[in-house]
């Protein structure tokens, strides 16, 4: 039973037996049991007194104050209320003939005197930056942008820790895309640090003001964050559309599709080939899952009865700088009629006659006709190698014997790999089917001493 502290200190008898008139001592009747207990308590008290002397009276510490004072003194929001409360206590104690204990009941907590109508929980977050950081990671990007634009305090808070805020958003909502599409690759999506921290890795050079010094470091922007979240959503919806159509893919294909997207964003053949040769980035398992994705995509874009195994649609979609066009086609937002298909083909690889080169065809300007098939997407003269062709060539170069796995890729998600029992579309894939090629060795029979210009993804400089 919890008792008030004042009752304990004032030695009031609050026994529940006496409260319910169950104690015989109230009627002046003392039993033999009561006498025995009293004698035993007196003996213990005398022994303690002989050992330690007279025990002091228990009192609260006047230096630290009570729990309310300590709690209020640590909160910057309640300093004003604490001063008002102390002034009230001082006036009450100095008034002639006043009793402090009668004015302020010790059994009741002191009055806060806090106007909650003026309390702003958002401003209170600024006293706890770690809580505010967690709060920002749970906001949508549009809400975060609006808050950054309209709140001066939040604007300054973000400028002091801009990189941590952007990366906290991207890691919590698009972890794989953050690892693949690193913000240092996209210089056009970076800005100078608002806190003006210097780039310790850079050497002194000429700055914008003409002086020689260490430049301010680059940080990611909201544009990069929006791009990463967009690509994460696009890849997830592509896999969802294929799975709903019966063309199931293992969960590892999510990371592989992001690597394909990164390869599609490289506008020249040299760096594309060098990135494909990098075994740390494109492993043997990645090439297998990428081939499976291309096969499932061909199955989705081809009629299962009247189709003739045509792959032209897939080649045209993979010629774009990213997977956004493929995502729009799978969602039936693009290529809804034959005219749209004709326009995309003209943009891809149509070669007009000499007398028509200064004219637009199907609404495509003359400088963009057939531009997707060349390096720089129309700026170069060398034909660009598409990623599906690079995947096939790299598989042959590493001697992965991909032709021996084609039947297994076709049947994946339709029958069990060992029991050959049909898998219903509504039946989830088991762990064994998900990790069908998890035991694939990433090493190959290729001579490791071969002189190949590898490309490190961290050294890429791209434009989105």
Protein backbone atom coordinates (compact mmCIF):
# COMPACT_ATOMS: atom_id res chain seq x y z
CA UNK A 1 0.00 0.00 0.00
CA UNK A 2 1.50 3.37 -1.05
CA UNK A 3 1.43 6.02 1.71
CA UNK A 4 1.94 9.79 1.41
CA UNK A 5 5.44 10.89 2.30
CA UNK A 6 4.14 13.46 4.81
CA UNK A 7 2.34 10.75 6.77
CA UNK A 8 5.49 8.67 6.94
CA UNK A 9 7.64 11.61 8.10
CA UNK A 10 5.06 12.83 10.63
CA UNK A 11 4.72 9.30 12.08
CA UNK A 12 0.96 9.27 11.62
CA UNK A 13 -0.70 5.97 12.24
CA UNK A 14 -2.46 5.04 9.02
CA UNK A 15 -2.85 1.33 9.66
CA UNK A 16 -5.64 -0.16 7.54
CA UNK A 17 -6.77 -2.12 10.61
CA UNK A 18 -7.41 1.12 12.49
CA UNK A 19 -9.06 2.69 9.48
CA UNK A 20 -11.56 -0.19 9.45
CA UNK A 21 -11.95 -0.30 13.25
CA UNK A 22 -10.37 -3.72 13.36
CA UNK A 23 -7.63 -2.84 15.85
CA UNK A 24 -8.59 -3.71 19.42
CA UNK A 25 -6.31 -0.98 20.79
CA UNK A 26 -8.88 1.61 19.65
CA UNK A 27 -11.26 0.28 22.29
CA UNK A 28 -8.60 0.18 24.96
CA UNK A 29 -8.25 -3.58 24.71
CA UNK A 30 -4.73 -4.94 24.25
CA UNK A 31 -4.30 -8.60 23.54
CA UNK A 32 -1.36 -10.74 24.52
CA UNK A 33 -0.16 -10.75 20.89
CA UNK A 34 -0.07 -6.93 20.84
CA UNK A 35 1.95 -6.86 24.05
CA UNK A 36 4.46 -9.37 22.65
CA UNK A 37 4.94 -7.35 19.45
CA UNK A 38 5.40 -4.13 21.40
CA UNK A 39 8.04 -5.69 23.62
CA UNK A 40 9.90 -7.07 20.64
CA UNK A 41 9.86 -3.68 18.86
CA UNK A 42 11.11 -1.91 21.98
CA UNK A 43 13.98 -4.39 22.32
CA UNK A 44 15.04 -3.83 18.68
CA UNK A 45 14.87 -0.04 19.11
CA UNK A 46 17.00 -0.12 22.27
CA UNK A 47 19.63 -2.30 20.62
CA UNK A 48 19.85 0.04 17.61
CA UNK A 49 20.13 3.05 19.88
CA UNK A 50 22.93 1.41 21.83
CA UNK A 51 24.77 0.55 18.62
CA UNK A 52 24.31 3.76 16.56
CA UNK A 53 23.12 6.30 19.12
CA UNK A 54 20.00 8.39 18.70
CA UNK A 55 18.72 8.12 15.13
CA UNK A 56 18.20 11.52 13.43
CA UNK A 57 14.80 12.63 12.19
CA UNK A 58 14.23 11.94 8.48
CA UNK A 59 13.92 15.18 6.51
CA UNK A 60 14.08 16.17 2.84
CA UNK A 61 17.30 17.73 1.63
CA UNK A 62 16.84 21.54 1.50
CA UNK A 63 19.70 21.87 -1.00
CA UNK A 64 18.46 19.67 -3.87
CA UNK A 65 14.77 20.27 -3.28
CA UNK A 66 12.01 17.84 -4.01
CA UNK A 67 11.49 15.80 -7.16
CA UNK A 68 9.36 18.47 -8.81
CA UNK A 69 12.05 21.14 -8.38
CA UNK A 70 14.75 18.89 -9.82
CA UNK A 71 12.63 17.90 -12.79
CA UNK A 72 11.58 21.46 -13.59
CA UNK A 73 15.08 22.84 -13.24
CA UNK A 74 16.33 20.50 -15.99
CA UNK A 75 13.69 21.56 -18.51
CA UNK A 76 14.36 24.84 -20.34
CA UNK A 77 10.65 25.14 -21.07
CA UNK A 78 9.75 25.46 -17.37
CA UNK A 79 12.34 27.97 -16.13
CA UNK A 80 9.79 30.77 -16.11
CA UNK A 81 7.25 28.66 -14.27
CA UNK A 82 9.85 27.66 -11.68
CA UNK A 83 10.70 31.32 -11.00
CA UNK A 84 7.05 32.17 -10.56
CA UNK A 85 6.58 29.27 -8.18
CA UNK A 86 9.61 30.25 -6.08
CA UNK A 87 8.44 33.87 -5.92
CA UNK A 88 5.07 32.71 -4.64
CA UNK A 89 6.69 30.63 -1.92
CA UNK A 90 8.92 33.56 -0.89
CA UNK A 91 6.01 36.01 -0.66
CA UNK A 92 3.98 33.55 1.37
CA UNK A 93 6.83 32.92 3.79
CA UNK A 94 7.61 36.64 4.27
CA UNK A 95 3.99 37.67 4.88
CA UNK A 96 3.37 38.45 8.61
CA UNK A 97 1.41 35.79 10.40
CA UNK A 98 1.35 33.44 7.41
CA UNK A 99 1.96 29.76 7.54
CA UNK A 100 3.73 28.31 4.51
CA UNK A 101 2.46 24.81 5.10
CA UNK A 102 -1.11 26.07 5.34
CA UNK A 103 -0.84 27.98 2.03
CA UNK A 104 0.90 25.12 0.17
CA UNK A 105 -0.40 21.74 1.06
CA UNK A 106 2.54 19.29 1.09
CA UNK A 107 0.24 16.45 0.15
CA UNK A 108 -0.61 18.06 -3.18
CA UNK A 109 1.88 18.71 -6.01
CA UNK A 110 2.68 22.39 -6.65
CA UNK A 111 0.80 24.15 -9.36
CA UNK A 112 2.62 24.19 -12.72
CA UNK A 113 1.15 27.50 -13.82
CA UNK A 114 1.88 26.55 -17.45
CA UNK A 115 -0.21 27.87 -20.33
CA UNK A 116 -0.64 24.79 -22.53
CA UNK A 117 -2.52 26.80 -25.13
CA UNK A 118 0.82 28.41 -26.10
CA UNK A 119 2.81 25.16 -26.05
CA UNK A 120 4.29 24.10 -29.42
CA UNK A 121 5.50 20.52 -29.51
CA UNK A 122 7.43 21.11 -32.73
CA UNK A 123 9.49 23.91 -31.16
CA UNK A 124 10.04 21.70 -28.13
CA UNK A 125 11.74 19.17 -30.43
CA UNK A 126 14.60 21.62 -31.01
CA UNK A 127 15.71 21.08 -27.41
CA UNK A 128 16.29 17.41 -28.31
CA UNK A 129 18.10 17.18 -31.70
CA UNK A 130 18.25 13.38 -31.62
CA UNK A 131 14.46 13.14 -31.36
CA UNK A 132 14.02 15.72 -34.12
CA UNK A 133 16.36 13.72 -36.37
CA UNK A 134 14.21 10.60 -35.89
CA UNK A 135 11.16 12.72 -36.58
CA UNK A 136 12.56 13.92 -39.91
CA UNK A 137 13.37 10.38 -41.08
CA UNK A 138 9.68 9.47 -40.81
CA UNK A 139 8.45 12.39 -42.90
CA UNK A 140 7.62 12.19 -46.57
CA UNK A 141 9.94 14.07 -48.89
CA UNK A 142 7.29 16.62 -49.85
CA UNK A 143 6.50 17.32 -46.20
CA UNK A 144 10.19 17.60 -45.42
CA UNK A 145 10.68 20.10 -48.24
CA UNK A 146 7.71 22.17 -47.12
CA UNK A 147 8.93 22.22 -43.54
CA UNK A 148 12.44 23.14 -44.68
CA UNK A 149 11.04 26.05 -46.68
CA UNK A 150 8.61 27.59 -44.16
CA UNK A 151 10.35 27.07 -40.81
CA UNK A 152 13.43 29.18 -40.14
CA UNK A 153 14.45 27.15 -37.09
CA UNK A 154 14.08 23.87 -38.96
CA UNK A 155 15.97 25.35 -41.92
CA UNK A 156 18.93 26.18 -39.70
CA UNK A 157 18.71 22.80 -37.96
CA UNK A 158 18.92 20.97 -41.31
CA UNK A 159 21.77 23.13 -42.60
CA UNK A 160 23.91 22.10 -39.62
CA UNK A 161 23.41 18.39 -40.34
CA UNK A 162 22.24 18.25 -43.96
CA UNK A 163 24.07 15.09 -44.99
CA UNK A 164 22.85 13.12 -41.98
CA UNK A 165 19.26 14.17 -42.65
CA UNK A 166 19.33 13.24 -46.36
CA UNK A 167 21.10 9.92 -45.81
CA UNK A 168 18.79 9.10 -42.89
CA UNK A 169 15.84 9.46 -45.24
CA UNK A 170 17.41 7.45 -48.07
CA UNK A 171 18.74 4.59 -45.91
CA UNK A 172 15.45 4.14 -44.06
CA UNK A 173 13.32 4.17 -47.23
CA UNK A 174 15.63 3.01 -50.05
CA UNK A 175 18.64 1.21 -48.63
CA UNK A 176 19.63 -0.70 -51.78
CA UNK A 177 19.29 2.34 -54.02
CA UNK A 178 21.43 4.34 -51.61
CA UNK A 179 24.19 1.74 -51.97
CA UNK A 180 24.01 1.61 -55.78
CA UNK A 181 23.25 5.22 -56.77
CA UNK A 182 25.73 6.94 -54.48
CA UNK A 183 25.36 10.70 -54.28
CA UNK A 184 29.03 11.32 -55.08
CA UNK A 185 28.44 9.95 -58.59
CA UNK A 186 25.98 12.73 -59.46
CA UNK A 187 27.81 16.02 -59.21
CA UNK A 188 24.87 17.90 -60.71
CA UNK A 189 22.81 16.81 -57.70
CA UNK A 190 25.26 18.07 -55.08
CA UNK A 191 25.71 21.43 -53.46
CA UNK A 192 28.17 23.17 -51.15
CA UNK A 193 27.78 22.42 -47.48
CA UNK A 194 25.65 25.19 -45.87
CA UNK A 195 27.73 24.77 -42.70
CA UNK A 196 30.84 25.56 -44.82
CA UNK A 197 32.78 22.50 -43.73
CA UNK A 198 35.91 21.94 -45.79
CA UNK A 199 36.69 18.92 -47.94
CA UNK A 200 39.57 17.31 -46.09
CA UNK A 201 40.28 14.89 -48.96
CA UNK A 202 40.75 17.63 -51.57
CA UNK A 203 44.03 19.38 -52.23
CA UNK A 204 44.34 23.18 -52.22
CA UNK A 205 43.17 24.77 -55.44
CA UNK A 206 41.79 28.00 -56.79
CA UNK A 207 38.43 28.83 -55.30
CA UNK A 208 35.54 30.77 -56.78
CA UNK A 209 36.75 34.03 -55.23
CA UNK A 210 40.18 33.60 -56.86
CA UNK A 211 42.04 32.60 -53.70
CA UNK A 212 43.98 29.37 -53.16
CA UNK A 213 42.58 27.10 -50.48
CA UNK A 214 40.69 23.95 -49.63
CA UNK A 215 37.21 23.95 -51.17
CA UNK A 216 33.98 23.42 -49.27
CA UNK A 217 32.82 19.84 -49.34
CA UNK A 218 29.88 18.63 -51.45
CA UNK A 219 26.73 17.23 -49.87
CA UNK A 220 23.65 15.49 -51.34
CA UNK A 221 20.55 17.49 -52.10
CA UNK A 222 16.82 16.92 -52.11
CA UNK A 223 17.04 16.23 -55.85
CA UNK A 224 19.26 13.22 -55.23
CA UNK A 225 16.96 12.00 -52.47
CA UNK A 226 13.94 12.28 -54.77
CA UNK A 227 15.80 10.39 -57.51
CA UNK A 228 16.78 7.54 -55.17
CA UNK A 229 13.26 7.12 -53.81
CA UNK A 230 11.83 7.22 -57.33
CA UNK A 231 14.16 4.50 -58.56
CA UNK A 232 13.45 2.32 -55.55
CA UNK A 233 9.72 2.60 -56.19
CA UNK A 234 10.08 1.95 -59.93
CA UNK A 235 12.09 -1.25 -59.41
CA UNK A 236 9.65 -2.56 -56.81
CA UNK A 237 6.68 -1.94 -59.08
CA UNK A 238 8.39 -3.58 -62.08
CA UNK A 239 8.93 -6.77 -60.09
CA UNK A 240 5.39 -6.57 -58.75
CA UNK A 241 3.89 -6.31 -62.23
CA UNK A 242 5.91 -9.29 -63.45
CA UNK A 243 5.03 -11.36 -60.38
CA UNK A 244 1.33 -10.58 -60.75
CA UNK A 245 1.52 -11.66 -64.39
CA UNK A 246 2.93 -15.05 -63.34
CA UNK A 247 6.57 -14.32 -64.21
CA UNK A 248 8.07 -14.66 -60.76
CA UNK A 249 11.54 -13.55 -59.91
CA UNK A 250 13.68 -14.09 -56.79
CA UNK A 251 14.11 -11.20 -54.38
CA UNK A 252 17.78 -10.84 -55.40
CA UNK A 253 16.60 -9.36 -58.71
CA UNK A 254 15.75 -6.11 -56.94
CA UNK A 255 19.42 -5.30 -56.46
CA UNK A 256 20.28 -6.58 -59.95
CA UNK A 257 17.73 -4.27 -61.59
CA UNK A 258 19.32 -1.31 -59.84
CA UNK A 259 22.72 -2.37 -61.18
CA UNK A 260 21.21 -2.60 -64.67
CA UNK A 261 19.81 0.91 -64.21
CA UNK A 262 23.23 2.21 -63.20
CA UNK A 263 24.79 0.60 -66.27
CA UNK A 264 22.10 2.11 -68.50
CA UNK A 265 22.96 5.57 -67.12
CA UNK A 266 26.55 5.37 -68.44
CA UNK A 267 26.47 7.08 -71.88
CA UNK A 268 29.66 5.55 -73.35
CA UNK A 269 30.83 2.04 -74.19
CA UNK A 270 34.22 2.21 -72.49
CA UNK A 271 32.93 2.70 -68.97
CA UNK A 272 30.02 0.32 -69.55
CA UNK A 273 32.35 -2.50 -70.50
CA UNK A 274 34.76 -1.67 -67.69
CA UNK A 275 31.92 -1.77 -65.15
CA UNK A 276 30.72 -5.14 -66.47
CA UNK A 277 34.25 -6.54 -66.08
CA UNK A 278 34.30 -5.53 -62.41
CA UNK A 279 33.55 -8.78 -60.55
CA UNK A 280 33.09 -7.02 -57.24
CA UNK A 281 30.18 -5.07 -58.68
CA UNK A 282 28.81 -7.49 -61.30
CA UNK A 283 29.21 -10.92 -59.72
CA UNK A 284 28.38 -14.22 -61.43
CA UNK A 285 25.14 -14.45 -59.45
CA UNK A 286 24.17 -10.99 -60.65
CA UNK A 287 24.66 -12.03 -64.27
CA UNK A 288 22.48 -15.10 -63.73
CA UNK A 289 19.67 -13.12 -62.12
CA UNK A 290 19.95 -10.43 -64.81
CA UNK A 291 19.59 -13.07 -67.54
CA UNK A 292 16.54 -14.48 -65.75
CA UNK A 293 14.98 -11.03 -65.61
CA UNK A 294 15.50 -10.52 -69.37
CA UNK A 295 13.91 -13.90 -70.10
CA UNK A 296 10.90 -13.17 -67.89
CA UNK A 297 10.56 -9.74 -69.52
CA UNK A 298 10.53 -11.31 -72.99
CA UNK A 299 7.86 -13.76 -71.81
CA UNK A 300 5.74 -10.86 -70.55
CA UNK A 301 6.11 -8.79 -73.74
CA UNK A 302 5.35 -11.73 -76.06
CA UNK A 303 1.96 -13.35 -76.57
CA UNK A 304 2.20 -16.95 -75.23
CA UNK A 305 0.05 -18.35 -78.09
CA UNK A 306 0.51 -16.22 -81.19
CA UNK A 307 3.92 -14.77 -80.30
CA UNK A 308 6.99 -15.77 -82.27
CA UNK A 309 9.64 -15.10 -79.65
CA UNK A 310 10.30 -11.55 -80.84
CA UNK A 311 12.74 -9.61 -78.64
CA UNK A 312 12.59 -6.27 -80.44
CA UNK A 313 10.30 -4.73 -77.82
CA UNK A 314 12.70 -5.56 -75.00
CA UNK A 315 15.70 -4.22 -76.94
CA UNK A 316 13.89 -0.95 -77.64
CA UNK A 317 12.96 -0.47 -73.97
CA UNK A 318 16.45 -1.33 -72.71
CA UNK A 319 17.99 1.30 -75.03
CA UNK A 320 16.75 4.14 -72.80
CA UNK A 321 18.91 5.80 -70.11
CA UNK A 322 16.89 4.15 -67.33
CA UNK A 323 14.06 1.83 -66.43
CA UNK A 324 11.40 4.54 -66.13
CA UNK A 325 10.16 3.93 -69.68
CA UNK A 326 9.92 0.18 -69.06
CA UNK A 327 7.99 0.89 -65.86
CA UNK A 328 5.52 3.12 -67.71
CA UNK A 329 5.02 0.49 -70.42
CA UNK A 330 4.37 -2.27 -67.88
CA UNK A 331 1.83 -0.04 -66.13
CA UNK A 332 0.12 0.64 -69.49
CA UNK A 333 0.92 4.34 -69.38
CA UNK A 334 3.10 4.30 -72.51
CA UNK A 335 2.89 2.46 -75.86
CA UNK A 336 -0.89 2.26 -75.62
CA UNK A 337 -1.28 2.29 -79.42
CA UNK A 338 0.72 1.67 -82.55
CA UNK A 339 1.49 5.36 -83.09
CA UNK A 340 3.25 5.59 -79.73
CA UNK A 341 5.26 2.51 -80.63
CA UNK A 342 6.22 4.07 -83.95
CA UNK A 343 7.36 7.29 -82.23
CA UNK A 344 9.56 5.35 -79.80
CA UNK A 345 11.09 3.35 -82.66
CA UNK A 346 11.87 6.58 -84.54
CA UNK A 347 13.57 7.95 -81.45
CA UNK A 348 15.50 4.73 -81.05
CA UNK A 349 17.06 3.70 -84.37
CA UNK A 350 15.23 5.20 -87.33
CA UNK A 351 17.57 6.47 -90.07
CA UNK A 352 15.78 9.00 -92.26
CA UNK A 353 16.64 9.68 -95.83
CA UNK A 354 18.91 12.54 -96.72
CA UNK A 355 16.07 14.76 -97.89
CA UNK A 356 14.17 14.14 -94.63
CA UNK A 357 16.95 14.76 -92.11
CA UNK A 358 15.91 18.34 -91.41
CA UNK A 359 12.27 17.38 -90.79
CA UNK A 360 10.53 16.02 -87.70
CA UNK A 361 9.03 12.57 -87.97
CA UNK A 362 6.00 11.56 -85.86
CA UNK A 363 6.56 14.60 -83.70
CA UNK A 364 10.21 13.74 -82.96
CA UNK A 365 12.60 16.69 -83.60
CA UNK A 366 15.28 15.95 -86.24
CA UNK A 367 18.16 16.09 -83.71
CA UNK A 368 16.53 13.30 -81.65
CA UNK A 369 15.71 10.90 -84.49
CA UNK A 370 17.67 7.68 -83.94
CA UNK A 371 19.56 9.26 -81.02
CA UNK A 372 19.16 6.44 -78.48
CA UNK A 373 21.41 4.07 -80.44
CA UNK A 374 24.52 6.29 -80.24
CA UNK A 375 26.90 7.17 -77.42
CA UNK A 376 25.79 10.13 -75.36
CA UNK A 377 22.26 9.38 -76.58
CA UNK A 378 22.78 11.25 -79.80
CA UNK A 379 25.91 13.29 -79.05
CA UNK A 380 28.38 10.67 -80.32
CA UNK A 381 28.84 8.70 -83.52
CA UNK A 382 29.68 5.26 -82.07
CA UNK A 383 26.75 2.92 -81.50
CA UNK A 384 26.03 2.26 -77.84
CA UNK A 385 26.08 -1.32 -76.58
CA UNK A 386 22.81 -1.99 -74.70
CA UNK A 387 22.96 -3.58 -71.23
CA UNK A 388 21.26 -6.81 -72.28
CA UNK A 389 23.99 -7.38 -74.87
CA UNK A 390 26.69 -6.57 -72.32
CA UNK A 391 25.23 -9.13 -69.89
CA UNK A 392 25.28 -11.84 -72.52
CA UNK A 393 28.84 -11.03 -73.61
CA UNK A 394 30.14 -10.92 -70.03
CA UNK A 395 28.51 -14.29 -69.27
CA UNK A 396 30.30 -15.81 -72.24
CA UNK A 397 33.60 -14.16 -71.27
CA UNK A 398 33.38 -15.63 -67.76
CA UNK A 399 32.35 -19.06 -69.13
CA UNK A 400 29.21 -19.31 -67.01
CA UNK A 401 27.53 -21.73 -69.48
CA UNK A 402 24.32 -19.76 -69.30
CA UNK A 403 22.69 -21.90 -72.00
CA UNK A 404 22.55 -24.82 -69.55
CA UNK A 405 20.38 -22.78 -67.17
CA UNK A 406 17.83 -21.36 -69.61
CA UNK A 407 15.23 -24.07 -69.02
CA UNK A 408 15.49 -23.65 -65.26
CA UNK A 409 15.02 -19.90 -65.67
CA UNK A 410 11.92 -20.44 -67.80
CA UNK A 411 10.38 -22.78 -65.25
CA UNK A 412 11.31 -20.75 -62.20
CA UNK A 413 8.22 -19.86 -60.19
CA UNK A 414 6.04 -22.35 -62.09
CA UNK A 415 7.23 -25.72 -60.77
CA UNK A 416 9.36 -26.80 -57.84
CA UNK A 417 12.99 -27.31 -58.78
CA UNK A 418 13.23 -30.76 -57.11
CA UNK A 419 9.73 -32.23 -56.85
CA UNK A 420 8.53 -30.78 -60.21
CA UNK A 421 5.13 -30.06 -58.65
CA UNK A 422 3.20 -27.12 -60.04
CA UNK A 423 3.29 -23.89 -58.03
CA UNK A 424 -0.01 -22.05 -57.96
CA UNK A 425 0.11 -18.31 -58.64
CA UNK A 426 -1.27 -17.57 -55.15
CA UNK A 427 1.23 -19.90 -53.48
CA UNK A 428 4.25 -18.09 -52.01
CA UNK A 429 7.70 -19.25 -53.03
CA UNK A 430 9.61 -21.20 -50.43
CA UNK A 431 13.06 -20.41 -49.15
CA UNK A 432 14.50 -23.16 -51.33
CA UNK A 433 13.07 -21.63 -54.49
CA UNK A 434 14.14 -18.12 -53.52
CA UNK A 435 17.75 -19.29 -53.09
CA UNK A 436 17.79 -21.45 -56.20
CA UNK A 437 21.22 -20.23 -57.33
CA UNK A 438 22.58 -19.03 -54.01
CA UNK A 439 25.30 -21.70 -54.15
CA UNK A 440 26.68 -20.39 -57.46
CA UNK A 441 30.41 -19.81 -57.27
CA UNK A 442 31.44 -16.25 -58.11
CA UNK A 443 34.81 -17.46 -59.39
CA UNK A 444 35.26 -18.44 -63.03
CA UNK A 445 37.74 -20.18 -65.28
CA UNK A 446 38.89 -16.86 -66.67
CA UNK A 447 42.57 -15.97 -66.43
CA UNK A 448 42.85 -13.39 -63.68
CA UNK A 449 46.02 -11.93 -65.20
CA UNK A 450 44.08 -10.66 -68.21
CA UNK A 451 44.65 -6.97 -68.71
CA UNK A 452 41.16 -5.43 -68.42
CA UNK A 453 40.37 -1.80 -67.65
CA UNK A 454 38.05 -2.16 -64.70
CA UNK A 455 35.74 0.65 -63.64
CA UNK A 456 35.07 1.29 -59.97
CA UNK A 457 31.45 2.40 -59.42
CA UNK A 458 32.63 4.93 -56.81
CA UNK A 459 34.67 6.71 -59.51
CA UNK A 460 31.77 7.16 -61.92
CA UNK A 461 30.52 10.64 -62.72
CA UNK A 462 27.01 10.51 -64.14
CA UNK A 463 24.13 12.84 -64.84
CA UNK A 464 20.57 11.90 -63.95
